[in-house]
Amino acid sequence: NRVRLNFETSFTGKDLLRTRLQAGNFNNTFNQSGPTRTNMTRLAYDD
């Protein structure tokens, strides 16, 4: 899983101040330290 909470603040209606909280449980999932032994198999959202 991966969870992202974006607090998007606008002071003029056109600008953006982004503050993001993130959590995930990717512990050696398909990376070089895991069973596949290569980073080429990493998932796009591996955070």
ModelCIF file with pLDDT and N, C-alpha, C, O atoms, coordinates in Angstrom:
data_MODEL
#
_entry.id   MODEL 
#
_entity.id                         1 
_entity.type                       polymer 
_entity.pdbx_number_of_molecules   1 
#
_entity_poly.entity_id                      1 
_entity_poly.type                           'polypeptide(L)' 
_entity_poly.nstd_linkage                   no 
_entity_poly.nstd_monomer                   no 
_entity_poly.pdbx_seq_one_letter_code       NRVRLNFETSFTGKDLLRTRLQAGNFNNTFNQSGPTRTNMTRLAYDD 
_entity_poly.pdbx_seq_one_letter_code_can   NRVRLNFETSFTGKDLLRTRLQAGNFNNTFNQSGPTRTNMTRLAYDD 
_entity_poly.pdbx_strand_id                 A 
#
loop_
_entity_poly_seq.entity_id 
_entity_poly_seq.num 
_entity_poly_seq.mon_id 
_entity_poly_seq.hetero 
1 1  ASN n 
1 2  ARG n 
1 3  VAL n 
1 4  ARG n 
1 5  LEU n 
1 6  ASN n 
1 7  PHE n 
1 8  GLU n 
1 9  THR n 
1 10 SER n 
1 11 PHE n 
1 12 THR n 
1 13 GLY n 
1 14 LYS n 
1 15 ASP n 
1 16 LEU n 
1 17 LEU n 
1 18 ARG n 
1 19 THR n 
1 20 ARG n 
1 21 LEU n 
1 22 GLN n 
1 23 ALA n 
1 24 GLY n 
1 25 ASN n 
1 26 PHE n 
1 27 ASN n 
1 28 ASN n 
1 29 THR n 
1 30 PHE n 
1 31 ASN n 
1 32 GLN n 
1 33 SER n 
1 34 GLY n 
1 35 PRO n 
1 36 THR n 
1 37 ARG n 
1 38 THR n 
1 39 ASN n 
1 40 MET n 
1 41 THR n 
1 42 ARG n 
1 43 LEU n 
1 44 ALA n 
1 45 TYR n 
1 46 ASP n 
1 47 ASP n 
#
_struct_asym.id          A 
_struct_asym.entity_id   1 
#
loop_
_ma_qa_metric.id 
_ma_qa_metric.mode 
_ma_qa_metric.name 
_ma_qa_metric.software_group_id 
_ma_qa_metric.type 
1 global pLDDT . pLDDT 
2 local  pLDDT . pLDDT 
#
_ma_qa_metric_global.metric_id      1 
_ma_qa_metric_global.metric_value   91.87 
_ma_qa_metric_global.model_id       1 
_ma_qa_metric_global.ordinal_id     1 
#
loop_
_ma_qa_metric_local.label_asym_id 
_ma_qa_metric_local.label_comp_id 
_ma_qa_metric_local.label_seq_id 
_ma_qa_metric_local.metric_id 
_ma_qa_metric_local.metric_value 
_ma_qa_metric_local.model_id 
_ma_qa_metric_local.ordinal_id 
A ASN 1  2 97.00 1 1  
A ARG 2  2 98.00 1 2  
A VAL 3  2 98.00 1 3  
A ARG 4  2 97.00 1 4  
A LEU 5  2 97.00 1 5  
A ASN 6  2 96.00 1 6  
A PHE 7  2 95.00 1 7  
A GLU 8  2 94.00 1 8  
A THR 9  2 94.00 1 9  
A SER 10 2 93.00 1 10 
A PHE 11 2 91.00 1 11 
A THR 12 2 89.00 1 12 
A GLY 13 2 87.00 1 13 
A LYS 14 2 91.00 1 14 
A ASP 15 2 94.00 1 15 
A LEU 16 2 95.00 1 16 
A LEU 17 2 97.00 1 17 
A ARG 18 2 97.00 1 18 
A THR 19 2 97.00 1 19 
A ARG 20 2 97.00 1 20 
A LEU 21 2 97.00 1 21 
A GLN 22 2 97.00 1 22 
A ALA 23 2 97.00 1 23 
A GLY 24 2 96.00 1 24 
A ASN 25 2 95.00 1 25 
A PHE 26 2 92.00 1 26 
A ASN 27 2 85.00 1 27 
A ASN 28 2 79.00 1 28 
A THR 29 2 84.00 1 29 
A PHE 30 2 85.00 1 30 
A ASN 31 2 85.00 1 31 
A GLN 32 2 83.00 1 32 
A SER 33 2 83.00 1 33 
A GLY 34 2 83.00 1 34 
A PRO 35 2 83.00 1 35 
A THR 36 2 84.00 1 36 
A ARG 37 2 83.00 1 37 
A THR 38 2 88.00 1 38 
A ASN 39 2 91.00 1 39 
A MET 40 2 93.00 1 40 
A THR 41 2 93.00 1 41 
A ARG 42 2 94.00 1 42 
A LEU 43 2 96.00 1 43 
A ALA 44 2 96.00 1 44 
A TYR 45 2 96.00 1 45 
A ASP 46 2 94.00 1 46 
A ASP 47 2 92.00 1 47 
#
loop_
_atom_site.group_PDB 
_atom_site.id 
_atom_site.type_symbol 
_atom_site.label_atom_id 
_atom_site.label_alt_id 
_atom_site.label_comp_id 
_atom_site.label_asym_id 
_atom_site.label_entity_id 
_atom_site.label_seq_id 
_atom_site.pdbx_PDB_ins_code 
_atom_site.Cartn_x 
_atom_site.Cartn_y 
_atom_site.Cartn_z 
_atom_site.occupancy 
_atom_site.B_iso_or_equiv 
_atom_site.pdbx_formal_charge 
_atom_site.auth_seq_id 
_atom_site.auth_comp_id 
_atom_site.auth_asym_id 
_atom_site.auth_atom_id 
_atom_site.pdbx_PDB_model_num 
ATOM 1   N N  . ASN A 1 1  ? 0.834  -1.199  0.000   1.00 97.00 ? 1  ASN A N  1 
ATOM 2   C CA . ASN A 1 1  ? 0.000  0.000   0.000   1.00 97.00 ? 1  ASN A CA 1 
ATOM 3   C C  . ASN A 1 1  ? 0.862  1.241   0.000   1.00 97.00 ? 1  ASN A C  1 
ATOM 4   O O  . ASN A 1 1  ? 2.011  1.223   0.443   1.00 97.00 ? 1  ASN A O  1 
ATOM 5   N N  . ARG A 1 2  ? 0.292  2.313   -0.502  1.00 98.00 ? 2  ARG A N  1 
ATOM 6   C CA . ARG A 1 2  ? 0.897  3.639   -0.395  1.00 98.00 ? 2  ARG A CA 1 
ATOM 7   C C  . ARG A 1 2  ? -0.204 4.655   -0.179  1.00 98.00 ? 2  ARG A C  1 
ATOM 8   O O  . ARG A 1 2  ? -1.218 4.642   -0.877  1.00 98.00 ? 2  ARG A O  1 
ATOM 9   N N  . VAL A 1 3  ? -0.006 5.533   0.786   1.00 98.00 ? 3  VAL A N  1 
ATOM 10  C CA . VAL A 1 3  ? -0.999 6.560   1.129   1.00 98.00 ? 3  VAL A CA 1 
ATOM 11  C C  . VAL A 1 3  ? -0.349 7.923   0.983   1.00 98.00 ? 3  VAL A C  1 
ATOM 12  O O  . VAL A 1 3  ? 0.733  8.166   1.517   1.00 98.00 ? 3  VAL A O  1 
ATOM 13  N N  . ARG A 1 4  ? -1.009 8.806   0.261   1.00 97.00 ? 4  ARG A N  1 
ATOM 14  C CA . ARG A 1 4  ? -0.553 10.186  0.125   1.00 97.00 ? 4  ARG A CA 1 
ATOM 15  C C  . ARG A 1 4  ? -1.687 11.139  0.471   1.00 97.00 ? 4  ARG A C  1 
ATOM 16  O O  . ARG A 1 4  ? -2.788 11.031  -0.067  1.00 97.00 ? 4  ARG A O  1 
ATOM 17  N N  . LEU A 1 5  ? -1.411 12.065  1.369   1.00 97.00 ? 5  LEU A N  1 
ATOM 18  C CA . LEU A 1 5  ? -2.351 13.122  1.725   1.00 97.00 ? 5  LEU A CA 1 
ATOM 19  C C  . LEU A 1 5  ? -1.723 14.452  1.329   1.00 97.00 ? 5  LEU A C  1 
ATOM 20  O O  . LEU A 1 5  ? -0.730 14.876  1.918   1.00 97.00 ? 5  LEU A O  1 
ATOM 21  N N  . ASN A 1 6  ? -2.303 15.105  0.332   1.00 96.00 ? 6  ASN A N  1 
ATOM 22  C CA . ASN A 1 6  ? -1.791 16.376  -0.170  1.00 96.00 ? 6  ASN A CA 1 
ATOM 23  C C  . ASN A 1 6  ? -2.616 17.526  0.393   1.00 96.00 ? 6  ASN A C  1 
ATOM 24  O O  . ASN A 1 6  ? -3.823 17.598  0.165   1.00 96.00 ? 6  ASN A O  1 
ATOM 25  N N  . PHE A 1 7  ? -1.975 18.412  1.119   1.00 95.00 ? 7  PHE A N  1 
ATOM 26  C CA . PHE A 1 7  ? -2.606 19.651  1.569   1.00 95.00 ? 7  PHE A CA 1 
ATOM 27  C C  . PHE A 1 7  ? -2.225 20.734  0.557   1.00 95.00 ? 7  PHE A C  1 
ATOM 28  O O  . PHE A 1 7  ? -1.088 21.205  0.541   1.00 95.00 ? 7  PHE A O  1 
ATOM 29  N N  . GLU A 1 8  ? -3.175 21.121  -0.278  1.00 94.00 ? 8  GLU A N  1 
ATOM 30  C CA . GLU A 1 8  ? -2.915 22.039  -1.375  1.00 94.00 ? 8  GLU A CA 1 
ATOM 31  C C  . GLU A 1 8  ? -3.506 23.408  -1.040  1.00 94.00 ? 8  GLU A C  1 
ATOM 32  O O  . GLU A 1 8  ? -4.722 23.586  -0.970  1.00 94.00 ? 8  GLU A O  1 
ATOM 33  N N  . THR A 1 9  ? -2.611 24.356  -0.838  1.00 94.00 ? 9  THR A N  1 
ATOM 34  C CA . THR A 1 9  ? -2.985 25.691  -0.399  1.00 94.00 ? 9  THR A CA 1 
ATOM 35  C C  . THR A 1 9  ? -2.800 26.685  -1.539  1.00 94.00 ? 9  THR A C  1 
ATOM 36  O O  . THR A 1 9  ? -1.784 26.669  -2.234  1.00 94.00 ? 9  THR A O  1 
ATOM 37  N N  . SER A 1 10 ? -3.790 27.545  -1.720  1.00 93.00 ? 10 SER A N  1 
ATOM 38  C CA . SER A 1 10 ? -3.703 28.608  -2.720  1.00 93.00 ? 10 SER A CA 1 
ATOM 39  C C  . SER A 1 10 ? -4.030 29.936  -2.058  1.00 93.00 ? 10 SER A C  1 
ATOM 40  O O  . SER A 1 10 ? -5.047 30.075  -1.378  1.00 93.00 ? 10 SER A O  1 
ATOM 41  N N  . PHE A 1 11 ? -3.156 30.906  -2.266  1.00 91.00 ? 11 PHE A N  1 
ATOM 42  C CA . PHE A 1 11 ? -3.353 32.229  -1.677  1.00 91.00 ? 11 PHE A CA 1 
ATOM 43  C C  . PHE A 1 11 ? -3.981 33.202  -2.666  1.00 91.00 ? 11 PHE A C  1 
ATOM 44  O O  . PHE A 1 11 ? -4.577 34.199  -2.257  1.00 91.00 ? 11 PHE A O  1 
ATOM 45  N N  . THR A 1 12 ? -3.856 32.927  -3.960  1.00 89.00 ? 12 THR A N  1 
ATOM 46  C CA . THR A 1 12 ? -4.405 33.811  -4.986  1.00 89.00 ? 12 THR A CA 1 
ATOM 47  C C  . THR A 1 12 ? -5.445 33.129  -5.860  1.00 89.00 ? 12 THR A C  1 
ATOM 48  O O  . THR A 1 12 ? -6.105 33.787  -6.664  1.00 89.00 ? 12 THR A O  1 
ATOM 49  N N  . GLY A 1 13 ? -5.599 31.818  -5.712  1.00 87.00 ? 13 GLY A N  1 
ATOM 50  C CA . GLY A 1 13 ? -6.484 31.060  -6.587  1.00 87.00 ? 13 GLY A CA 1 
ATOM 51  C C  . GLY A 1 13 ? -5.770 30.447  -7.774  1.00 87.00 ? 13 GLY A C  1 
ATOM 52  O O  . GLY A 1 13 ? -6.335 29.597  -8.464  1.00 87.00 ? 13 GLY A O  1 
ATOM 53  N N  . LYS A 1 14 ? -4.520 30.868  -8.027  1.00 91.00 ? 14 LYS A N  1 
ATOM 54  C CA . LYS A 1 14 ? -3.737 30.346  -9.146  1.00 91.00 ? 14 LYS A CA 1 
ATOM 55  C C  . LYS A 1 14 ? -2.433 29.699  -8.703  1.00 91.00 ? 14 LYS A C  1 
ATOM 56  O O  . LYS A 1 14 ? -1.880 28.867  -9.424  1.00 91.00 ? 14 LYS A O  1 
ATOM 57  N N  . ASP A 1 15 ? -1.934 30.069  -7.524  1.00 94.00 ? 15 ASP A N  1 
ATOM 58  C CA . ASP A 1 15 ? -0.695 29.485  -7.034  1.00 94.00 ? 15 ASP A CA 1 
ATOM 59  C C  . ASP A 1 15 ? -0.991 28.201  -6.258  1.00 94.00 ? 15 ASP A C  1 
ATOM 60  O O  . ASP A 1 15 ? -2.152 27.856  -6.035  1.00 94.00 ? 15 ASP A O  1 
ATOM 61  N N  . LEU A 1 16 ? 0.071  27.495  -5.847  1.00 95.00 ? 16 LEU A N  1 
ATOM 62  C CA . LEU A 1 16 ? -0.090 26.233  -5.131  1.00 95.00 ? 16 LEU A CA 1 
ATOM 63  C C  . LEU A 1 16 ? 1.072  26.026  -4.171  1.00 95.00 ? 16 LEU A C  1 
ATOM 64  O O  . LEU A 1 16 ? 2.234  26.040  -4.579  1.00 95.00 ? 16 LEU A O  1 
ATOM 65  N N  . LEU A 1 17 ? 0.757  25.834  -2.900  1.00 97.00 ? 17 LEU A N  1 
ATOM 66  C CA . LEU A 1 17 ? 1.703  25.378  -1.896  1.00 97.00 ? 17 LEU A CA 1 
ATOM 67  C C  . LEU A 1 17 ? 1.291  23.960  -1.519  1.00 97.00 ? 17 LEU A C  1 
ATOM 68  O O  . LEU A 1 17 ? 0.231  23.749  -0.930  1.00 97.00 ? 17 LEU A O  1 
ATOM 69  N N  . ARG A 1 18 ? 2.134  22.993  -1.862  1.00 97.00 ? 18 ARG A N  1 
ATOM 70  C CA . ARG A 1 18 ? 1.789  21.590  -1.591  1.00 97.00 ? 18 ARG A CA 1 
ATOM 71  C C  . ARG A 1 18 ? 2.622  21.053  -0.426  1.00 97.00 ? 18 ARG A C  1 
ATOM 72  O O  . ARG A 1 18 ? 3.849  21.152  -0.412  1.00 97.00 ? 18 ARG A O  1 
ATOM 73  N N  . THR A 1 19 ? 1.919  20.489  0.540   1.00 97.00 ? 19 THR A N  1 
ATOM 74  C CA . THR A 1 19 ? 2.540  19.775  1.649   1.00 97.00 ? 19 THR A CA 1 
ATOM 75  C C  . THR A 1 19 ? 1.977  18.359  1.637   1.00 97.00 ? 19 THR A C  1 
ATOM 76  O O  . THR A 1 19 ? 0.769  18.166  1.773   1.00 97.00 ? 19 THR A O  1 
ATOM 77  N N  . ARG A 1 20 ? 2.847  17.376  1.474   1.00 97.00 ? 20 ARG A N  1 
ATOM 78  C CA . ARG A 1 20 ? 2.375  15.990  1.336   1.00 97.00 ? 20 ARG A CA 1 
ATOM 79  C C  . ARG A 1 20 ? 2.871  15.128  2.488   1.00 97.00 ? 20 ARG A C  1 
ATOM 80  O O  . ARG A 1 20 ? 4.048  15.150  2.849   1.00 97.00 ? 20 ARG A O  1 
ATOM 81  N N  . LEU A 1 21 ? 1.931  14.360  3.059   1.00 97.00 ? 21 LEU A N  1 
ATOM 82  C CA . LEU A 1 21 ? 2.265  13.304  3.997   1.00 97.00 ? 21 LEU A CA 1 
ATOM 83  C C  . LEU A 1 21 ? 2.168  11.976  3.261   1.00 97.00 ? 21 LEU A C  1 
ATOM 84  O O  . LEU A 1 21 ? 1.217  11.740  2.516   1.00 97.00 ? 21 LEU A O  1 
ATOM 85  N N  . GLN A 1 22 ? 3.160  11.103  3.470   1.00 97.00 ? 22 GLN A N  1 
ATOM 86  C CA . GLN A 1 22 ? 3.198  9.844   2.732   1.00 97.00 ? 22 GLN A CA 1 
ATOM 87  C C  . GLN A 1 22 ? 3.600  8.696   3.643   1.00 97.00 ? 22 GLN A C  1 
ATOM 88  O O  . GLN A 1 22 ? 4.426  8.850   4.543   1.00 97.00 ? 22 GLN A O  1 
ATOM 89  N N  . ALA A 1 23 ? 2.992  7.537   3.385   1.00 97.00 ? 23 ALA A N  1 
ATOM 90  C CA . ALA A 1 23 ? 3.366  6.308   4.079   1.00 97.00 ? 23 ALA A CA 1 
ATOM 91  C C  . ALA A 1 23 ? 3.210  5.146   3.110   1.00 97.00 ? 23 ALA A C  1 
ATOM 92  O O  . ALA A 1 23 ? 2.331  5.168   2.249   1.00 97.00 ? 23 ALA A O  1 
ATOM 93  N N  . GLY A 1 24 ? 4.059  4.129   3.246   1.00 96.00 ? 24 GLY A N  1 
ATOM 94  C CA . GLY A 1 24 ? 3.988  2.945   2.400   1.00 96.00 ? 24 GLY A CA 1 
ATOM 95  C C  . GLY A 1 24 ? 4.684  1.780   3.076   1.00 96.00 ? 24 GLY A C  1 
ATOM 96  O O  . GLY A 1 24 ? 5.410  1.968   4.053   1.00 96.00 ? 24 GLY A O  1 
ATOM 97  N N  . ASN A 1 25 ? 4.464  0.565   2.556   1.00 95.00 ? 25 ASN A N  1 
ATOM 98  C CA . ASN A 1 25 ? 5.056  -0.624  3.166   1.00 95.00 ? 25 ASN A CA 1 
ATOM 99  C C  . ASN A 1 25 ? 5.867  -1.434  2.161   1.00 95.00 ? 25 ASN A C  1 
ATOM 100 O O  . ASN A 1 25 ? 5.770  -2.660  2.118   1.00 95.00 ? 25 ASN A O  1 
ATOM 101 N N  . PHE A 1 26 ? 6.669  -0.740  1.352   1.00 92.00 ? 26 PHE A N  1 
ATOM 102 C CA . PHE A 1 26 ? 7.491  -1.412  0.338   1.00 92.00 ? 26 PHE A CA 1 
ATOM 103 C C  . PHE A 1 26 ? 8.856  -1.741  0.941   1.00 92.00 ? 26 PHE A C  1 
ATOM 104 O O  . PHE A 1 26 ? 9.762  -0.907  0.948   1.00 92.00 ? 26 PHE A O  1 
ATOM 105 N N  . ASN A 1 27 ? 8.990  -2.963  1.442   1.00 85.00 ? 27 ASN A N  1 
ATOM 106 C CA . ASN A 1 27 ? 10.233 -3.406  2.060   1.00 85.00 ? 27 ASN A CA 1 
ATOM 107 C C  . ASN A 1 27 ? 10.898 -4.423  1.136   1.00 85.00 ? 27 ASN A C  1 
ATOM 108 O O  . ASN A 1 27 ? 10.582 -5.612  1.174   1.00 85.00 ? 27 ASN A O  1 
ATOM 109 N N  . ASN A 1 28 ? 11.827 -3.939  0.302   1.00 79.00 ? 28 ASN A N  1 
ATOM 110 C CA . ASN A 1 28 ? 12.538 -4.791  -0.659  1.00 79.00 ? 28 ASN A CA 1 
ATOM 111 C C  . ASN A 1 28 ? 11.576 -5.509  -1.616  1.00 79.00 ? 28 ASN A C  1 
ATOM 112 O O  . ASN A 1 28 ? 11.771 -6.679  -1.946  1.00 79.00 ? 28 ASN A O  1 
ATOM 113 N N  . THR A 1 29 ? 10.540 -4.793  -2.053  1.00 84.00 ? 29 THR A N  1 
ATOM 114 C CA . THR A 1 29 ? 9.570  -5.369  -2.973  1.00 84.00 ? 29 THR A CA 1 
ATOM 115 C C  . THR A 1 29 ? 10.106 -5.300  -4.402  1.00 84.00 ? 29 THR A C  1 
ATOM 116 O O  . THR A 1 29 ? 10.149 -4.220  -4.990  1.00 84.00 ? 29 THR A O  1 
ATOM 117 N N  . PHE A 1 30 ? 10.512 -6.428  -4.963  1.00 85.00 ? 30 PHE A N  1 
ATOM 118 C CA . PHE A 1 30 ? 10.992 -6.534  -6.340  1.00 85.00 ? 30 PHE A CA 1 
ATOM 119 C C  . PHE A 1 30 ? 12.149 -5.585  -6.626  1.00 85.00 ? 30 PHE A C  1 
ATOM 120 O O  . PHE A 1 30 ? 12.230 -5.025  -7.719  1.00 85.00 ? 30 PHE A O  1 
ATOM 121 N N  . ASN A 1 31 ? 13.035 -5.400  -5.670  1.00 85.00 ? 31 ASN A N  1 
ATOM 122 C CA . ASN A 1 31 ? 14.228 -4.603  -5.939  1.00 85.00 ? 31 ASN A CA 1 
ATOM 123 C C  . ASN A 1 31 ? 15.473 -5.463  -5.762  1.00 85.00 ? 31 ASN A C  1 
ATOM 124 O O  . ASN A 1 31 ? 15.374 -6.669  -5.537  1.00 85.00 ? 31 ASN A O  1 
ATOM 125 N N  . GLN A 1 32 ? 16.634 -4.846  -5.862  1.00 83.00 ? 32 GLN A N  1 
ATOM 126 C CA . GLN A 1 32 ? 17.885 -5.592  -5.855  1.00 83.00 ? 32 GLN A CA 1 
ATOM 127 C C  . GLN A 1 32 ? 18.112 -6.344  -4.554  1.00 83.00 ? 32 GLN A C  1 
ATOM 128 O O  . GLN A 1 32 ? 18.768 -7.386  -4.546  1.00 83.00 ? 32 GLN A O  1 
ATOM 129 N N  . SER A 1 33 ? 17.575 -5.825  -3.454  1.00 83.00 ? 33 SER A N  1 
ATOM 130 C CA . SER A 1 33 ? 17.748 -6.484  -2.160  1.00 83.00 ? 33 SER A CA 1 
ATOM 131 C C  . SER A 1 33 ? 16.722 -7.583  -1.922  1.00 83.00 ? 33 SER A C  1 
ATOM 132 O O  . SER A 1 33 ? 16.823 -8.320  -0.940  1.00 83.00 ? 33 SER A O  1 
ATOM 133 N N  . GLY A 1 34 ? 15.736 -7.703  -2.807  1.00 83.00 ? 34 GLY A N  1 
ATOM 134 C CA . GLY A 1 34 ? 14.697 -8.705  -2.659  1.00 83.00 ? 34 GLY A CA 1 
ATOM 135 C C  . GLY A 1 34 ? 14.970 -9.943  -3.481  1.00 83.00 ? 34 GLY A C  1 
ATOM 136 O O  . GLY A 1 34 ? 16.060 -10.088 -4.035  1.00 83.00 ? 34 GLY A O  1 
ATOM 137 N N  . PRO A 1 35 ? 13.992 -10.848 -3.573  1.00 83.00 ? 35 PRO A N  1 
ATOM 138 C CA . PRO A 1 35 ? 14.192 -12.133 -4.256  1.00 83.00 ? 35 PRO A CA 1 
ATOM 139 C C  . PRO A 1 35 ? 14.493 -12.021 -5.748  1.00 83.00 ? 35 PRO A C  1 
ATOM 140 O O  . PRO A 1 35 ? 15.163 -12.901 -6.288  1.00 83.00 ? 35 PRO A O  1 
ATOM 141 N N  . THR A 1 36 ? 14.025 -10.970 -6.445  1.00 84.00 ? 36 THR A N  1 
ATOM 142 C CA . THR A 1 36 ? 14.318 -10.867 -7.882  1.00 84.00 ? 36 THR A CA 1 
ATOM 143 C C  . THR A 1 36 ? 15.755 -10.465 -8.149  1.00 84.00 ? 36 THR A C  1 
ATOM 144 O O  . THR A 1 36 ? 16.266 -10.702 -9.244  1.00 84.00 ? 36 THR A O  1 
ATOM 145 N N  . ARG A 1 37 ? 16.428 -9.850  -7.157  1.00 83.00 ? 37 ARG A N  1 
ATOM 146 C CA . ARG A 1 37 ? 17.837 -9.475  -7.216  1.00 83.00 ? 37 ARG A CA 1 
ATOM 147 C C  . ARG A 1 37 ? 18.126 -8.410  -8.275  1.00 83.00 ? 37 ARG A C  1 
ATOM 148 O O  . ARG A 1 37 ? 19.263 -8.302  -8.733  1.00 83.00 ? 37 ARG A O  1 
ATOM 149 N N  . THR A 1 38 ? 17.122 -7.621  -8.675  1.00 88.00 ? 38 THR A N  1 
ATOM 150 C CA . THR A 1 38 ? 17.356 -6.558  -9.655  1.00 88.00 ? 38 THR A CA 1 
ATOM 151 C C  . THR A 1 38 ? 16.397 -5.406  -9.422  1.00 88.00 ? 38 THR A C  1 
ATOM 152 O O  . THR A 1 38 ? 15.234 -5.614  -9.075  1.00 88.00 ? 38 THR A O  1 
ATOM 153 N N  . ASN A 1 39 ? 16.893 -4.175  -9.617  1.00 91.00 ? 39 ASN A N  1 
ATOM 154 C CA . ASN A 1 39 ? 16.048 -2.984  -9.511  1.00 91.00 ? 39 ASN A CA 1 
ATOM 155 C C  . ASN A 1 39 ? 15.202 -2.755  -10.759 1.00 91.00 ? 39 ASN A C  1 
ATOM 156 O O  . ASN A 1 39 ? 14.312 -1.904  -10.746 1.00 91.00 ? 39 ASN A O  1 
ATOM 157 N N  . MET A 1 40 ? 15.458 -3.488  -11.826 1.00 93.00 ? 40 MET A N  1 
ATOM 158 C CA . MET A 1 40 ? 14.669 -3.322  -13.048 1.00 93.00 ? 40 MET A CA 1 
ATOM 159 C C  . MET A 1 40 ? 13.220 -3.750  -12.851 1.00 93.00 ? 40 MET A C  1 
ATOM 160 O O  . MET A 1 40 ? 12.352 -3.366  -13.635 1.00 93.00 ? 40 MET A O  1 
ATOM 161 N N  . THR A 1 41 ? 12.947 -4.546  -11.810 1.00 93.00 ? 41 THR A N  1 
ATOM 162 C CA . THR A 1 41 ? 11.585 -5.031  -11.571 1.00 93.00 ? 41 THR A CA 1 
ATOM 163 C C  . THR A 1 41 ? 10.833 -4.170  -10.565 1.00 93.00 ? 41 THR A C  1 
ATOM 164 O O  . THR A 1 41 ? 9.739  -4.550  -10.148 1.00 93.00 ? 41 THR A O  1 
ATOM 165 N N  . ARG A 1 42 ? 11.372 -3.034  -10.164 1.00 94.00 ? 42 ARG A N  1 
ATOM 166 C CA . ARG A 1 42 ? 10.709 -2.193  -9.152  1.00 94.00 ? 42 ARG A CA 1 
ATOM 167 C C  . ARG A 1 42 ? 9.382  -1.653  -9.658  1.00 94.00 ? 42 ARG A C  1 
ATOM 168 O O  . ARG A 1 42 ? 9.218  -1.355  -10.842 1.00 94.00 ? 42 ARG A O  1 
ATOM 169 N N  . LEU A 1 43 ? 8.443  -1.534  -8.736  1.00 96.00 ? 43 LEU A N  1 
ATOM 170 C CA . LEU A 1 43 ? 7.135  -0.963  -9.046  1.00 96.00 ? 43 LEU A CA 1 
ATOM 171 C C  . LEU A 1 43 ? 7.236  0.556   -9.130  1.00 96.00 ? 43 LEU A C  1 
ATOM 172 O O  . LEU A 1 43 ? 8.088  1.167   -8.484  1.00 96.00 ? 43 LEU A O  1 
ATOM 173 N N  . ALA A 1 44 ? 6.359  1.160   -9.930  1.00 96.00 ? 44 ALA A N  1 
ATOM 174 C CA . ALA A 1 44 ? 6.402  2.611   -10.144 1.00 96.00 ? 44 ALA A CA 1 
ATOM 175 C C  . ALA A 1 44 ? 6.098  3.390   -8.874  1.00 96.00 ? 44 ALA A C  1 
ATOM 176 O O  . ALA A 1 44 ? 6.579  4.510   -8.704  1.00 96.00 ? 44 ALA A O  1 
ATOM 177 N N  . TYR A 1 45 ? 5.312  2.815   -7.987  1.00 96.00 ? 45 TYR A N  1 
ATOM 178 C CA . TYR A 1 45 ? 4.852  3.507   -6.772  1.00 96.00 ? 45 TYR A CA 1 
ATOM 179 C C  . TYR A 1 45 ? 5.558  2.965   -5.541  1.00 96.00 ? 45 TYR A C  1 
ATOM 180 O O  . TYR A 1 45 ? 5.011  3.006   -4.439  1.00 96.00 ? 45 TYR A O  1 
ATOM 181 N N  . ASP A 1 46 ? 6.770  2.458   -5.723  1.00 94.00 ? 46 ASP A N  1 
ATOM 182 C CA . ASP A 1 46 ? 7.574  1.891   -4.646  1.00 94.00 ? 46 ASP A CA 1 
ATOM 183 C C  . ASP A 1 46 ? 8.120  3.023   -3.773  1.00 94.00 ? 46 ASP A C  1 
ATOM 184 O O  . ASP A 1 46 ? 9.264  3.448   -3.941  1.00 94.00 ? 46 ASP A O  1 
ATOM 185 N N  . ASP A 1 47 ? 7.293  3.509   -2.838  1.00 92.00 ? 47 ASP A N  1 
ATOM 186 C CA . ASP A 1 47 ? 7.678  4.606   -1.942  1.00 92.00 ? 47 ASP A CA 1 
ATOM 187 C C  . ASP A 1 47 ? 7.193  4.293   -0.534  1.00 92.00 ? 47 ASP A C  1 
ATOM 188 O O  . ASP A 1 47 ? 7.410  5.084   0.384   1.00 92.00 ? 47 ASP A O  1 
#
